[in-house]
Amino acid sequence: MVDSEKEEALTLQKEFEWVLNEEVHAVLNQLHTILLECVNRFPLPLCGNDGIQKQDKFILTAPPDQIKCVISLTGDSISHADMNFKVQRQQNVTYKVTIQNDNPWKLHQVQDAGNHLQQAILHIDNIDKDYSFRSSEEVLHILGNILGCLQRGRTSLIVPRKRTIDDLMKSRNMKSLSPNLPEDLAISFYIQSHKLVFAVYQLTNIHGTMKFDTYQAEASVPWLNEVLVLFTVALQLCQQLKDKICVFAQYKDFTIGSRPASSIAY
């Protein structure tokens, strides 16, 4: 019985050493390739990539003739937009607003996602390809850092930051509009998953209580969809390796070079 336990312990120890010496580096290398592919999809200069800021044009509409918005998306900015929209309480008024090239509307979610992606790549770049890992804790620490960056990057694009109407009205982006909107109106552009959303907010004072109505139109942005797929694939790969390392982490005394069976907790 003791011999079989010793044999099992040695087998586990050898597998653990193989995972640390071979599989961790192989997965990190695979992750690096996926993340550089993700960088290539971003319309921003990241990680030494030129990030040619090609211009994409989108038409966002909401029936019946409530909203029509034609925009040019360049990098992380709306470089030009022509917006026509009506609001419920003034159906006979059509608001016409533009954004001009000299004062673009910044989509901070794109830049945030790009920054987190760069950080994830940096964590991998900081590990020498010949480095020998010594413990599961060491690997879990690195994987935790990479996972954190990838989760924050993906979340930046999927979950728009909540902002109050007051924040929207006072935002720097509102200064991009020409002409200025009336004080009871605000607009915003934001990313939600693979879509670019244009939203109009109308404030109304009803018996001293401020209420607001929202109208919106959206368009699918192909490169956003590709970026999210690559973020998701990288997250899954990273999580799978973490789960495998966590199994070995249950054996607290596992370190490279420690082989006695007594070090294995059954």
C-alpha atoms as a PDB file:
ATOM      1  CA  MET A   1       0.000   0.000   0.000  1.00  0.00           C
ATOM      2  CA  VAL A   2       2.852   2.317   0.934  1.00  0.00           C
ATOM      3  CA  ASP A   3       4.627   1.529  -2.352  1.00  0.00           C
ATOM      4  CA  SER A   4       1.525   2.331  -4.403  1.00  0.00           C
ATOM      5  CA  GLU A   5       1.095   5.637  -2.534  1.00  0.00           C
ATOM      6  CA  LYS A   6       4.748   6.467  -3.140  1.00  0.00           C
ATOM      7  CA  GLU A   7       4.388   5.598  -6.815  1.00  0.00           C
ATOM      8  CA  GLU A   8       1.263   7.758  -7.146  1.00  0.00           C
ATOM      9  CA  ALA A   9       3.034  10.600  -5.385  1.00  0.00           C
ATOM     10  CA  LEU A  10       6.010  10.352  -7.742  1.00  0.00           C
ATOM     11  CA  THR A  11       3.701  10.255 -10.763  1.00  0.00           C
ATOM     12  CA  LEU A  12       1.871  13.370  -9.564  1.00  0.00           C
ATOM     13  CA  GLN A  13       5.156  15.119  -8.839  1.00  0.00           C
ATOM     14  CA  LYS A  14       6.470  14.331 -12.350  1.00  0.00           C
ATOM     15  CA  GLU A  15       3.233  15.579 -13.919  1.00  0.00           C
ATOM     16  CA  PHE A  16       3.430  18.739 -11.812  1.00  0.00           C
ATOM     17  CA  GLU A  17       7.010  19.369 -12.968  1.00  0.00           C
ATOM     18  CA  TRP A  18       6.018  18.786 -16.595  1.00  0.00           C
ATOM     19  CA  VAL A  19       3.124  21.266 -16.278  1.00  0.00           C
ATOM     20  CA  LEU A  20       5.419  23.902 -14.704  1.00  0.00           C
ATOM     21  CA  ASN A  21       8.328  23.360 -17.101  1.00  0.00           C
ATOM     22  CA  GLU A  22       6.444  22.739 -20.339  1.00  0.00           C
ATOM     23  CA  GLU A  23       2.730  23.425 -20.335  1.00  0.00           C
ATOM     24  CA  VAL A  24       2.768  26.811 -18.583  1.00  0.00           C
ATOM     25  CA  HIS A  25       5.218  28.249 -21.129  1.00  0.00           C
ATOM     26  CA  ALA A  26       3.306  26.650 -24.028  1.00  0.00           C
ATOM     27  CA  VAL A  27       0.006  28.168 -22.873  1.00  0.00           C
ATOM     28  CA  LEU A  28       1.582  31.580 -22.222  1.00  0.00           C
ATOM     29  CA  ASN A  29       3.039  31.485 -25.731  1.00  0.00           C
ATOM     30  CA  GLN A  30      -0.389  30.578 -27.148  1.00  0.00           C
ATOM     31  CA  LEU A  31      -1.993  33.371 -25.111  1.00  0.00           C
ATOM     32  CA  HIS A  32       0.576  35.839 -26.415  1.00  0.00           C
ATOM     33  CA  THR A  33      -0.275  34.910 -30.016  1.00  0.00           C
ATOM     34  CA  ILE A  34      -4.029  35.317 -29.389  1.00  0.00           C
ATOM     35  CA  LEU A  35      -3.548  38.692 -27.678  1.00  0.00           C
ATOM     36  CA  LEU A  36      -1.344  40.025 -30.476  1.00  0.00           C
ATOM     37  CA  GLU A  37      -4.076  38.959 -32.901  1.00  0.00           C
ATOM     38  CA  CYS A  38      -6.484  40.970 -30.734  1.00  0.00           C
ATOM     39  CA  VAL A  39      -4.106  43.962 -30.894  1.00  0.00           C
ATOM     40  CA  ASN A  40      -4.207  43.756 -34.691  1.00  0.00           C
ATOM     41  CA  ARG A  41      -7.993  44.132 -34.601  1.00  0.00           C
ATOM     42  CA  PHE A  42      -7.843  47.346 -32.537  1.00  0.00           C
ATOM     43  CA  PRO A  43      -7.959  50.560 -34.579  1.00  0.00           C
ATOM     44  CA  LEU A  44      -5.370  52.052 -32.192  1.00  0.00           C
ATOM     45  CA  PRO A  45      -1.562  51.951 -31.979  1.00  0.00           C
ATOM     46  CA  LEU A  46      -0.917  49.296 -29.294  1.00  0.00           C
ATOM     47  CA  CYS A  47       2.214  47.306 -28.344  1.00  0.00           C
ATOM     48  CA  GLY A  48       4.276  48.783 -31.147  1.00  0.00           C
ATOM     49  CA  ASN A  49       1.542  48.003 -33.671  1.00  0.00           C
ATOM     50  CA  ASP A  50       0.987  50.855 -36.146  1.00  0.00           C
ATOM     51  CA  GLY A  51      -2.769  50.655 -35.534  1.00  0.00           C
ATOM     52  CA  ILE A  52      -3.766  52.348 -38.775  1.00  0.00           C
ATOM     53  CA  GLN A  53      -6.823  54.347 -37.857  1.00  0.00           C
ATOM     54  CA  LYS A  54      -9.083  53.443 -40.729  1.00  0.00           C
ATOM     55  CA  GLN A  55     -12.389  55.221 -40.903  1.00  0.00           C
ATOM     56  CA  ASP A  56     -15.648  53.252 -40.769  1.00  0.00           C
ATOM     57  CA  LYS A  57     -19.022  54.771 -41.560  1.00  0.00           C
ATOM     58  CA  PHE A  58     -22.228  53.629 -39.812  1.00  0.00           C
ATOM     59  CA  ILE A  59     -25.884  54.586 -40.101  1.00  0.00           C
ATOM     60  CA  LEU A  60     -27.913  54.300 -36.893  1.00  0.00           C
ATOM     61  CA  THR A  61     -31.687  54.606 -37.170  1.00  0.00           C
ATOM     62  CA  ALA A  62     -34.702  54.151 -34.916  1.00  0.00           C
ATOM     63  CA  PRO A  63     -38.224  54.047 -36.403  1.00  0.00           C
ATOM     64  CA  PRO A  64     -40.495  55.775 -37.045  1.00  0.00           C
ATOM     65  CA  ASP A  65     -38.161  58.620 -38.075  1.00  0.00           C
ATOM     66  CA  GLN A  66     -37.266  59.125 -34.419  1.00  0.00           C
ATOM     67  CA  ILE A  67     -33.507  59.036 -34.927  1.00  0.00           C
ATOM     68  CA  LYS A  68     -31.173  59.069 -37.896  1.00  0.00           C
ATOM     69  CA  CYS A  69     -27.482  59.288 -37.215  1.00  0.00           C
ATOM     70  CA  VAL A  70     -24.658  58.937 -39.759  1.00  0.00           C
ATOM     71  CA  ILE A  71     -21.270  58.664 -38.098  1.00  0.00           C
ATOM     72  CA  SER A  72     -17.628  58.149 -39.012  1.00  0.00           C
ATOM     73  CA  LEU A  73     -15.701  56.077 -36.471  1.00  0.00           C
ATOM     74  CA  THR A  74     -11.932  56.608 -36.492  1.00  0.00           C
ATOM     75  CA  GLY A  75      -9.901  54.736 -33.876  1.00  0.00           C
ATOM     76  CA  ASP A  76     -11.431  55.443 -30.479  1.00  0.00           C
ATOM     77  CA  SER A  77     -13.269  58.567 -31.656  1.00  0.00           C
ATOM     78  CA  ILE A  78     -16.361  59.592 -33.546  1.00  0.00           C
ATOM     79  CA  SER A  79     -14.598  61.911 -35.950  1.00  0.00           C
ATOM     80  CA  HIS A  80     -17.743  63.089 -37.708  1.00  0.00           C
ATOM     81  CA  ALA A  81     -21.488  62.708 -37.182  1.00  0.00           C
ATOM     82  CA  ASP A  82     -24.731  64.098 -38.558  1.00  0.00           C
ATOM     83  CA  MET A  83     -27.623  63.518 -36.139  1.00  0.00           C
ATOM     84  CA  ASN A  84     -31.315  64.169 -36.715  1.00  0.00           C
ATOM     85  CA  PHE A  85     -33.739  63.233 -33.967  1.00  0.00           C
ATOM     86  CA  LYS A  86     -37.122  63.990 -32.449  1.00  0.00           C
ATOM     87  CA  VAL A  87     -38.223  63.611 -28.843  1.00  0.00           C
ATOM     88  CA  GLN A  88     -41.629  62.477 -27.642  1.00  0.00           C
ATOM     89  CA  ARG A  89     -42.714  65.735 -26.074  1.00  0.00           C
ATOM     90  CA  GLN A  90     -41.844  67.844 -29.127  1.00  0.00           C
ATOM     91  CA  GLN A  91     -42.673  65.654 -32.118  1.00  0.00           C
ATOM     92  CA  ASN A  92     -42.926  68.660 -34.412  1.00  0.00           C
ATOM     93  CA  VAL A  93     -39.297  69.682 -33.740  1.00  0.00           C
ATOM     94  CA  THR A  94     -36.389  67.914 -35.449  1.00  0.00           C
ATOM     95  CA  TYR A  95     -33.035  68.545 -33.822  1.00  0.00           C
ATOM     96  CA  LYS A  96     -30.045  68.613 -36.172  1.00  0.00           C
ATOM     97  CA  VAL A  97     -26.639  68.339 -34.565  1.00  0.00           C
ATOM     98  CA  THR A  98     -23.167  67.589 -35.915  1.00  0.00           C
ATOM     99  CA  ILE A  99     -19.755  66.512 -34.669  1.00  0.00           C
ATOM    100  CA  GLN A 100     -16.854  67.898 -36.684  1.00  0.00           C
ATOM    101  CA  ASN A 101     -13.378  66.470 -37.358  1.00  0.00           C
ATOM    102  CA  ASP A 102     -11.643  69.183 -35.349  1.00  0.00           C
ATOM    103  CA  ASN A 103     -13.512  68.256 -32.147  1.00  0.00           C
ATOM    104  CA  PRO A 104     -14.166  64.471 -32.103  1.00  0.00           C
ATOM    105  CA  TRP A 105     -16.238  62.547 -29.531  1.00  0.00           C
ATOM    106  CA  LYS A 106     -13.940  60.203 -27.583  1.00  0.00           C
ATOM    107  CA  LEU A 107     -15.065  56.631 -26.878  1.00  0.00           C
ATOM    108  CA  HIS A 108     -13.049  56.020 -23.716  1.00  0.00           C
ATOM    109  CA  GLN A 109     -14.166  52.362 -23.522  1.00  0.00           C
ATOM    110  CA  VAL A 110     -12.041  51.520 -26.584  1.00  0.00           C
ATOM    111  CA  GLN A 111      -8.919  53.118 -25.116  1.00  0.00           C
ATOM    112  CA  ASP A 112      -9.567  51.466 -21.716  1.00  0.00           C
ATOM    113  CA  ALA A 113      -9.918  48.024 -23.321  1.00  0.00           C
ATOM    114  CA  GLY A 114      -6.723  48.613 -25.312  1.00  0.00           C
ATOM    115  CA  ASN A 115      -4.809  49.623 -22.162  1.00  0.00           C
ATOM    116  CA  HIS A 116      -5.889  46.449 -20.306  1.00  0.00           C
ATOM    117  CA  LEU A 117      -4.944  44.335 -23.322  1.00  0.00           C
ATOM    118  CA  GLN A 118      -1.467  45.894 -23.386  1.00  0.00           C
ATOM    119  CA  GLN A 119      -1.069  45.189 -19.661  1.00  0.00           C
ATOM    120  CA  ALA A 120      -1.958  41.513 -20.163  1.00  0.00           C
ATOM    121  CA  ILE A 121       0.667  41.226 -22.912  1.00  0.00           C
ATOM    122  CA  LEU A 122       3.237  42.993 -20.720  1.00  0.00           C
ATOM    123  CA  HIS A 123       2.721  40.421 -17.932  1.00  0.00           C
ATOM    124  CA  ILE A 124       3.584  37.669 -20.448  1.00  0.00           C
ATOM    125  CA  ASP A 125       6.496  39.602 -21.994  1.00  0.00           C
ATOM    126  CA  ASN A 126       8.040  39.994 -18.524  1.00  0.00           C
ATOM    127  CA  ILE A 127       8.513  36.204 -18.217  1.00  0.00           C
ATOM    128  CA  ASP A 128      11.736  34.902 -19.741  1.00  0.00           C
ATOM    129  CA  LYS A 129      11.083  31.990 -22.111  1.00  0.00           C
ATOM    130  CA  ASP A 130      13.737  29.917 -20.292  1.00  0.00           C
ATOM    131  CA  TYR A 131      12.481  30.761 -16.809  1.00  0.00           C
ATOM    132  CA  SER A 132      11.852  27.744 -14.548  1.00  0.00           C
ATOM    133  CA  PHE A 133       8.762  28.078 -12.389  1.00  0.00           C
ATOM    134  CA  ARG A 134       9.210  26.689  -8.875  1.00  0.00           C
ATOM    135  CA  SER A 135       5.711  26.531  -7.408  1.00  0.00           C
ATOM    136  CA  SER A 136       2.011  26.590  -8.197  1.00  0.00           C
ATOM    137  CA  GLU A 137       1.644  29.840  -6.218  1.00  0.00           C
ATOM    138  CA  GLU A 138       4.095  31.575  -8.523  1.00  0.00           C
ATOM    139  CA  VAL A 139       2.158  30.519 -11.640  1.00  0.00           C
ATOM    140  CA  LEU A 140      -1.228  31.333 -10.075  1.00  0.00           C
ATOM    141  CA  HIS A 141      -0.009  34.844  -9.242  1.00  0.00           C
ATOM    142  CA  ILE A 142       0.975  35.472 -12.876  1.00  0.00           C
ATOM    143  CA  LEU A 143      -2.230  33.929 -14.258  1.00  0.00           C
ATOM    144  CA  GLY A 144      -4.270  36.011 -11.796  1.00  0.00           C
ATOM    145  CA  ASN A 145      -2.659  39.197 -13.134  1.00  0.00           C
ATOM    146  CA  ILE A 146      -3.307  38.217 -16.757  1.00  0.00           C
ATOM    147  CA  LEU A 147      -6.900  37.131 -16.063  1.00  0.00           C
ATOM    148  CA  GLY A 148      -7.577  40.389 -14.237  1.00  0.00           C
ATOM    149  CA  CYS A 149      -6.386  42.452 -17.226  1.00  0.00           C
ATOM    150  CA  LEU A 150      -8.393  40.376 -19.710  1.00  0.00           C
ATOM    151  CA  GLN A 151     -11.569  40.530 -17.607  1.00  0.00           C
ATOM    152  CA  ARG A 152     -11.282  44.298 -17.186  1.00  0.00           C
ATOM    153  CA  GLY A 153     -10.592  44.757 -20.910  1.00  0.00           C
ATOM    154  CA  ARG A 154     -13.576  42.650 -21.955  1.00  0.00           C
ATOM    155  CA  THR A 155     -15.849  44.302 -19.378  1.00  0.00           C
ATOM    156  CA  SER A 156     -14.810  47.768 -20.657  1.00  0.00           C
ATOM    157  CA  LEU A 157     -16.477  46.918 -23.965  1.00  0.00           C
ATOM    158  CA  ILE A 158     -19.465  44.935 -22.695  1.00  0.00           C
ATOM    159  CA  VAL A 159     -20.627  47.036 -19.742  1.00  0.00           C
ATOM    160  CA  PRO A 160     -20.804  50.816 -20.355  1.00  0.00           C
ATOM    161  CA  ARG A 161     -19.938  52.912 -17.322  1.00  0.00           C
ATOM    162  CA  LYS A 162     -23.051  54.239 -15.594  1.00  0.00           C
ATOM    163  CA  ARG A 163     -23.255  58.014 -15.616  1.00  0.00           C
ATOM    164  CA  THR A 164     -25.827  60.424 -14.275  1.00  0.00           C
ATOM    165  CA  ILE A 165     -27.677  62.794 -16.598  1.00  0.00           C
ATOM    166  CA  ASP A 166     -25.852  65.643 -14.875  1.00  0.00           C
ATOM    167  CA  ASP A 167     -22.483  64.022 -15.655  1.00  0.00           C
ATOM    168  CA  LEU A 168     -23.518  63.545 -19.285  1.00  0.00           C
ATOM    169  CA  MET A 169     -24.596  67.150 -19.687  1.00  0.00           C
ATOM    170  CA  LYS A 170     -21.332  68.421 -18.192  1.00  0.00           C
ATOM    171  CA  SER A 171     -19.078  65.977 -20.034  1.00  0.00           C
ATOM    172  CA  ARG A 172     -16.317  67.256 -22.291  1.00  0.00           C
ATOM    173  CA  ASN A 173     -17.823  65.295 -25.177  1.00  0.00           C
ATOM    174  CA  MET A 174     -20.970  67.456 -25.153  1.00  0.00           C
ATOM    175  CA  LYS A 175     -18.716  70.345 -26.228  1.00  0.00           C
ATOM    176  CA  SER A 176     -18.143  68.424 -29.492  1.00  0.00           C
ATOM    177  CA  LEU A 177     -21.722  69.154 -30.568  1.00  0.00           C
ATOM    178  CA  SER A 178     -22.656  71.914 -32.966  1.00  0.00           C
ATOM    179  CA  PRO A 179     -24.956  73.652 -32.264  1.00  0.00           C
ATOM    180  CA  ASN A 180     -25.333  73.170 -28.503  1.00  0.00           C
ATOM    181  CA  LEU A 181     -28.424  71.291 -27.377  1.00  0.00           C
ATOM    182  CA  PRO A 182     -31.141  72.835 -25.161  1.00  0.00           C
ATOM    183  CA  GLU A 183     -30.576  72.371 -21.423  1.00  0.00           C
ATOM    184  CA  ASP A 184     -33.228  69.632 -21.162  1.00  0.00           C
ATOM    185  CA  LEU A 185     -31.477  67.392 -23.735  1.00  0.00           C
ATOM    186  CA  ALA A 186     -28.301  65.321 -23.664  1.00  0.00           C
ATOM    187  CA  ILE A 187     -26.838  62.680 -25.935  1.00  0.00           C
ATOM    188  CA  SER A 188     -24.239  59.968 -25.561  1.00  0.00           C
ATOM    189  CA  PHE A 189     -22.365  57.445 -27.660  1.00  0.00           C
ATOM    190  CA  TYR A 190     -21.156  54.264 -26.020  1.00  0.00           C
ATOM    191  CA  ILE A 191     -20.044  50.701 -26.740  1.00  0.00           C
ATOM    192  CA  GLN A 192     -22.172  47.790 -25.565  1.00  0.00           C
ATOM    193  CA  SER A 193     -20.706  44.446 -26.603  1.00  0.00           C
ATOM    194  CA  HIS A 194     -20.230  44.561 -30.399  1.00  0.00           C
ATOM    195  CA  LYS A 195     -22.602  47.518 -30.858  1.00  0.00           C
ATOM    196  CA  LEU A 196     -22.145  51.254 -31.017  1.00  0.00           C
ATOM    197  CA  VAL A 197     -25.133  52.932 -29.368  1.00  0.00           C
ATOM    198  CA  PHE A 198     -26.376  56.495 -29.863  1.00  0.00           C
ATOM    199  CA  ALA A 199     -28.709  57.622 -27.069  1.00  0.00           C
ATOM    200  CA  VAL A 200     -30.788  60.770 -26.598  1.00  0.00           C
ATOM    201  CA  TYR A 201     -31.982  61.770 -23.125  1.00  0.00           C
ATOM    202  CA  GLN A 202     -34.773  64.264 -22.448  1.00  0.00           C
ATOM    203  CA  LEU A 203     -35.181  65.731 -18.980  1.00  0.00           C
ATOM    204  CA  THR A 204     -38.643  66.747 -17.800  1.00  0.00           C
ATOM    205  CA  ASN A 205     -39.668  68.488 -14.612  1.00  0.00           C
ATOM    206  CA  ILE A 206     -42.997  66.992 -13.510  1.00  0.00           C
ATOM    207  CA  HIS A 207     -44.332  68.741 -10.392  1.00  0.00           C
ATOM    208  CA  GLY A 208     -40.813  69.303  -9.076  1.00  0.00           C
ATOM    209  CA  THR A 209     -39.608  65.760  -9.854  1.00  0.00           C
ATOM    210  CA  MET A 210     -37.036  65.354 -12.595  1.00  0.00           C
ATOM    211  CA  LYS A 211     -37.726  62.475 -14.989  1.00  0.00           C
ATOM    212  CA  PHE A 212     -36.061  61.538 -18.240  1.00  0.00           C
ATOM    213  CA  ASP A 213     -36.952  59.675 -21.401  1.00  0.00           C
ATOM    214  CA  THR A 214     -34.382  57.764 -23.445  1.00  0.00           C
ATOM    215  CA  TYR A 215     -34.335  57.119 -27.194  1.00  0.00           C
ATOM    216  CA  GLN A 216     -31.605  55.142 -28.867  1.00  0.00           C
ATOM    217  CA  ALA A 217     -30.310  53.637 -32.079  1.00  0.00           C
ATOM    218  CA  GLU A 218     -27.442  51.227 -32.598  1.00  0.00           C
ATOM    219  CA  ALA A 219     -25.179  49.628 -35.210  1.00  0.00           C
ATOM    220  CA  SER A 220     -22.978  46.538 -35.129  1.00  0.00           C
ATOM    221  CA  VAL A 221     -19.216  47.183 -35.393  1.00  0.00           C
ATOM    222  CA  PRO A 222     -17.441  44.154 -36.945  1.00  0.00           C
ATOM    223  CA  TRP A 223     -13.995  44.686 -35.387  1.00  0.00           C
ATOM    224  CA  LEU A 224     -15.550  44.929 -31.908  1.00  0.00           C
ATOM    225  CA  ASN A 225     -17.091  41.491 -32.363  1.00  0.00           C
ATOM    226  CA  GLU A 226     -13.692  40.059 -33.386  1.00  0.00           C
ATOM    227  CA  VAL A 227     -11.957  41.672 -30.390  1.00  0.00           C
ATOM    228  CA  LEU A 228     -14.535  40.265 -27.961  1.00  0.00           C
ATOM    229  CA  VAL A 229     -14.188  36.756 -29.419  1.00  0.00           C
ATOM    230  CA  LEU A 230     -10.396  36.900 -28.964  1.00  0.00           C
ATOM    231  CA  PHE A 231     -10.732  38.259 -25.403  1.00  0.00           C
ATOM    232  CA  THR A 232     -13.102  35.378 -24.607  1.00  0.00           C
ATOM    233  CA  VAL A 233     -10.825  32.696 -26.136  1.00  0.00           C
ATOM    234  CA  ALA A 234      -7.838  34.080 -24.182  1.00  0.00           C
ATOM    235  CA  LEU A 235      -9.837  34.151 -20.942  1.00  0.00           C
ATOM    236  CA  GLN A 236     -10.949  30.531 -21.384  1.00  0.00           C
ATOM    237  CA  LEU A 237      -7.402  29.352 -22.123  1.00  0.00           C
ATOM    238  CA  CYS A 238      -6.000  31.207 -19.138  1.00  0.00           C
ATOM    239  CA  GLN A 239      -8.762  29.920 -16.837  1.00  0.00           C
ATOM    240  CA  GLN A 240      -8.222  26.296 -17.945  1.00  0.00           C
ATOM    241  CA  LEU A 241      -4.530  26.486 -17.047  1.00  0.00           C
ATOM    242  CA  LYS A 242      -5.363  28.146 -13.723  1.00  0.00           C
ATOM    243  CA  ASP A 243      -7.840  25.352 -12.901  1.00  0.00           C
ATOM    244  CA  LYS A 244      -5.182  22.715 -13.661  1.00  0.00           C
ATOM    245  CA  ILE A 245      -2.586  24.477 -11.496  1.00  0.00           C
ATOM    246  CA  CYS A 246      -5.158  24.804  -8.690  1.00  0.00           C
ATOM    247  CA  VAL A 247      -5.425  21.007  -8.576  1.00  0.00           C
ATOM    248  CA  PHE A 248      -1.683  20.771  -7.877  1.00  0.00           C
ATOM    249  CA  ALA A 249      -1.892  23.706  -5.453  1.00  0.00           C
ATOM    250  CA  GLN A 250      -3.906  21.425  -3.142  1.00  0.00           C
ATOM    251  CA  TYR A 251      -0.602  19.637  -2.479  1.00  0.00           C
ATOM    252  CA  LYS A 252       1.013  22.436  -0.532  1.00  0.00           C
ATOM    253  CA  ASP A 253       4.506  20.922  -0.377  1.00  0.00           C
ATOM    254  CA  PHE A 254       4.836  20.414  -4.122  1.00  0.00           C
ATOM    255  CA  THR A 255       7.923  22.256  -5.311  1.00  0.00           C
ATOM    256  CA  ILE A 256      10.442  21.364  -7.971  1.00  0.00           C
ATOM    257  CA  GLY A 257      12.929  18.879  -6.575  1.00  0.00           C
ATOM    258  CA  SER A 258      10.824  17.733  -3.598  1.00  0.00           C
ATOM    259  CA  ARG A 259       9.832  14.183  -4.287  1.00  0.00           C
ATOM    260  CA  PRO A 260       9.251  12.285  -1.038  1.00  0.00           C
ATOM    261  CA  ALA A 261       5.830  10.675  -0.767  1.00  0.00           C
ATOM    262  CA  SER A 262       5.395  12.076   2.721  1.00  0.00           C
ATOM    263  CA  SER A 263       5.017  15.547   1.196  1.00  0.00           C
ATOM    264  CA  ILE A 264       1.745  14.567  -0.478  1.00  0.00           C
ATOM    265  CA  ALA A 265      -1.460  15.126   1.471  1.00  0.00           C
ATOM    266  CA  TYR A 266      -4.078  12.418   0.847  1.00  0.00           C
END
